[in-house]
């Protein structure tokens, strides 16, 4: 039997884990950073950790075929967890989504 899980279920589980020291420290490290290389590197680090947590959740419950739901949960969780400079607020969701997509491409490289 295929178990279905949606982005809201994943977000609920992520919120329970948002106090994990690694994730909490990375969110704190992003505060006050100006847009530039350091901010992007810190975002990539946080996003990759959140992606690994989501993979663990999905694997634990045995869910399948939920790539879009995983992506949506990661983007929304990261977007709500960090405060970017005000001039990036209109594009932060798409920016986070692009980083998630590129990380997925890298992680899935050669798996097909």
C-alpha atoms as a PDB file:
ATOM      1  CA  UNK A   1       0.000   0.000   0.000  1.00  0.00           C
ATOM      2  CA  UNK A   2       1.307   3.438  -0.967  1.00  0.00           C
ATOM      3  CA  UNK A   3       1.198   5.966   1.843  1.00  0.00           C
ATOM      4  CA  UNK A   4       0.344   9.503   0.761  1.00  0.00           C
ATOM      5  CA  UNK A   5       1.692  12.467   2.667  1.00  0.00           C
ATOM      6  CA  UNK A   6       1.136  16.118   1.843  1.00  0.00           C
ATOM      7  CA  UNK A   7       3.157  19.244   2.432  1.00  0.00           C
ATOM      8  CA  UNK A   8       1.056  20.252   5.453  1.00  0.00           C
ATOM      9  CA  UNK A   9       1.797  16.947   7.182  1.00  0.00           C
ATOM     10  CA  UNK A  10       5.489  17.449   6.491  1.00  0.00           C
ATOM     11  CA  UNK A  11       5.354  21.052   7.733  1.00  0.00           C
ATOM     12  CA  UNK A  12       3.710  19.926  10.967  1.00  0.00           C
ATOM     13  CA  UNK A  13       6.488  17.419  11.541  1.00  0.00           C
ATOM     14  CA  UNK A  14       9.154  19.988  10.610  1.00  0.00           C
ATOM     15  CA  UNK A  15       7.734  22.471  13.112  1.00  0.00           C
ATOM     16  CA  UNK A  16       8.120  19.828  15.797  1.00  0.00           C
ATOM     17  CA  UNK A  17      11.790  19.531  14.825  1.00  0.00           C
ATOM     18  CA  UNK A  18      12.516  23.244  14.361  1.00  0.00           C
ATOM     19  CA  UNK A  19      14.163  23.406  17.784  1.00  0.00           C
ATOM     20  CA  UNK A  20      16.850  20.946  16.738  1.00  0.00           C
ATOM     21  CA  UNK A  21      20.178  22.610  17.540  1.00  0.00           C
ATOM     22  CA  UNK A  22      21.555  22.291  13.980  1.00  0.00           C
ATOM     23  CA  UNK A  23      18.532  23.888  12.357  1.00  0.00           C
ATOM     24  CA  UNK A  24      18.089  26.490  15.098  1.00  0.00           C
ATOM     25  CA  UNK A  25      21.778  27.501  14.868  1.00  0.00           C
ATOM     26  CA  UNK A  26      21.602  27.835  11.089  1.00  0.00           C
ATOM     27  CA  UNK A  27      18.472  29.978  11.282  1.00  0.00           C
ATOM     28  CA  UNK A  28      20.203  32.217  13.848  1.00  0.00           C
ATOM     29  CA  UNK A  29      23.284  32.465  11.627  1.00  0.00           C
ATOM     30  CA  UNK A  30      21.157  33.912   8.824  1.00  0.00           C
ATOM     31  CA  UNK A  31      19.845  36.785  10.917  1.00  0.00           C
ATOM     32  CA  UNK A  32      21.322  40.105   9.948  1.00  0.00           C
ATOM     33  CA  UNK A  33      23.250  38.823   6.943  1.00  0.00           C
ATOM     34  CA  UNK A  34      23.221  41.094   3.941  1.00  0.00           C
ATOM     35  CA  UNK A  35      22.562  39.655   0.513  1.00  0.00           C
ATOM     36  CA  UNK A  36      25.741  38.186  -0.867  1.00  0.00           C
ATOM     37  CA  UNK A  37      27.854  35.080  -0.937  1.00  0.00           C
ATOM     38  CA  UNK A  38      27.730  34.455   2.842  1.00  0.00           C
ATOM     39  CA  UNK A  39      23.933  34.641   2.895  1.00  0.00           C
ATOM     40  CA  UNK A  40      23.560  32.253  -0.038  1.00  0.00           C
ATOM     41  CA  UNK A  41      26.003  29.749   1.500  1.00  0.00           C
ATOM     42  CA  UNK A  42      24.157  29.895   4.840  1.00  0.00           C
ATOM     43  CA  UNK A  43      20.821  29.399   3.055  1.00  0.00           C
ATOM     44  CA  UNK A  44      22.154  26.401   1.135  1.00  0.00           C
ATOM     45  CA  UNK A  45      23.394  24.853   4.371  1.00  0.00           C
ATOM     46  CA  UNK A  46      20.021  25.317   6.097  1.00  0.00           C
ATOM     47  CA  UNK A  47      18.025  24.132   3.093  1.00  0.00           C
ATOM     48  CA  UNK A  48      20.128  20.983   2.672  1.00  0.00           C
ATOM     49  CA  UNK A  49      19.627  20.113   6.363  1.00  0.00           C
ATOM     50  CA  UNK A  50      15.869  20.642   6.100  1.00  0.00           C
ATOM     51  CA  UNK A  51      15.787  18.525   2.937  1.00  0.00           C
ATOM     52  CA  UNK A  52      17.553  15.674   4.745  1.00  0.00           C
ATOM     53  CA  UNK A  53      15.083  15.895   7.644  1.00  0.00           C
ATOM     54  CA  UNK A  54      12.163  15.752   5.188  1.00  0.00           C
ATOM     55  CA  UNK A  55      13.704  12.706   3.496  1.00  0.00           C
ATOM     56  CA  UNK A  56      14.005  11.041   6.893  1.00  0.00           C
ATOM     57  CA  UNK A  57      10.369  11.778   7.719  1.00  0.00           C
ATOM     58  CA  UNK A  58       9.190  10.441   4.357  1.00  0.00           C
ATOM     59  CA  UNK A  59      11.320   7.315   4.676  1.00  0.00           C
ATOM     60  CA  UNK A  60      10.124   6.680   8.228  1.00  0.00           C
ATOM     61  CA  UNK A  61       6.439   6.790   7.258  1.00  0.00           C
ATOM     62  CA  UNK A  62       7.042   4.968   3.981  1.00  0.00           C
ATOM     63  CA  UNK A  63       5.481   7.609   1.743  1.00  0.00           C
ATOM     64  CA  UNK A  64       6.056   7.471  -2.001  1.00  0.00           C
ATOM     65  CA  UNK A  65       5.860   9.749  -5.050  1.00  0.00           C
ATOM     66  CA  UNK A  66       5.666  13.020  -3.201  1.00  0.00           C
ATOM     67  CA  UNK A  67       8.471  15.090  -4.715  1.00  0.00           C
ATOM     68  CA  UNK A  68       6.320  18.190  -5.184  1.00  0.00           C
ATOM     69  CA  UNK A  69       4.966  17.933  -1.641  1.00  0.00           C
ATOM     70  CA  UNK A  70       8.474  17.594  -0.190  1.00  0.00           C
ATOM     71  CA  UNK A  71       9.649  20.620  -2.179  1.00  0.00           C
ATOM     72  CA  UNK A  72       6.659  22.700  -1.086  1.00  0.00           C
ATOM     73  CA  UNK A  73       7.222  21.811   2.588  1.00  0.00           C
ATOM     74  CA  UNK A  74      10.955  22.621   2.469  1.00  0.00           C
ATOM     75  CA  UNK A  75      10.401  25.956   0.707  1.00  0.00           C
ATOM     76  CA  UNK A  76       7.618  27.029   3.055  1.00  0.00           C
ATOM     77  CA  UNK A  77       9.460  25.931   6.202  1.00  0.00           C
ATOM     78  CA  UNK A  78      12.675  27.719   5.241  1.00  0.00           C
ATOM     79  CA  UNK A  79      10.806  30.801   4.017  1.00  0.00           C
ATOM     80  CA  UNK A  80       8.971  31.124   7.339  1.00  0.00           C
ATOM     81  CA  UNK A  81      12.083  30.327   9.400  1.00  0.00           C
ATOM     82  CA  UNK A  82      14.361  33.036   8.073  1.00  0.00           C
ATOM     83  CA  UNK A  83      14.154  36.771   7.689  1.00  0.00           C
ATOM     84  CA  UNK A  84      15.873  38.063   4.599  1.00  0.00           C
ATOM     85  CA  UNK A  85      16.533  41.737   3.944  1.00  0.00           C
ATOM     86  CA  UNK A  86      13.300  43.609   3.160  1.00  0.00           C
ATOM     87  CA  UNK A  87      14.246  44.069  -0.493  1.00  0.00           C
ATOM     88  CA  UNK A  88      14.330  40.289  -0.978  1.00  0.00           C
ATOM     89  CA  UNK A  89      10.950  39.564   0.630  1.00  0.00           C
ATOM     90  CA  UNK A  90       9.119  39.549  -2.707  1.00  0.00           C
ATOM     91  CA  UNK A  91      11.460  36.985  -4.231  1.00  0.00           C
ATOM     92  CA  UNK A  92      12.543  34.908  -1.242  1.00  0.00           C
ATOM     93  CA  UNK A  93      10.124  32.032  -1.952  1.00  0.00           C
ATOM     94  CA  UNK A  94      11.204  31.644  -5.587  1.00  0.00           C
ATOM     95  CA  UNK A  95      14.874  32.059  -4.563  1.00  0.00           C
ATOM     96  CA  UNK A  96      14.557  29.314  -1.941  1.00  0.00           C
ATOM     97  CA  UNK A  97      12.710  27.166  -4.491  1.00  0.00           C
ATOM     98  CA  UNK A  98      15.547  27.575  -7.005  1.00  0.00           C
ATOM     99  CA  UNK A  99      18.109  26.533  -4.385  1.00  0.00           C
ATOM    100  CA  UNK A 100      15.988  23.486  -3.464  1.00  0.00           C
ATOM    101  CA  UNK A 101      15.683  22.536  -7.145  1.00  0.00           C
ATOM    102  CA  UNK A 102      19.431  22.801  -7.739  1.00  0.00           C
ATOM    103  CA  UNK A 103      20.240  20.815  -4.590  1.00  0.00           C
ATOM    104  CA  UNK A 104      17.778  18.110  -5.687  1.00  0.00           C
ATOM    105  CA  UNK A 105      19.426  18.048  -9.119  1.00  0.00           C
ATOM    106  CA  UNK A 106      22.830  17.580  -7.482  1.00  0.00           C
ATOM    107  CA  UNK A 107      21.612  14.937  -5.048  1.00  0.00           C
ATOM    108  CA  UNK A 108      19.790  13.012  -7.793  1.00  0.00           C
ATOM    109  CA  UNK A 109      22.612  13.288 -10.348  1.00  0.00           C
ATOM    110  CA  UNK A 110      23.359   9.864 -11.771  1.00  0.00           C
ATOM    111  CA  UNK A 111      20.383   8.130 -10.132  1.00  0.00           C
ATOM    112  CA  UNK A 112      18.386   7.809 -13.335  1.00  0.00           C
END
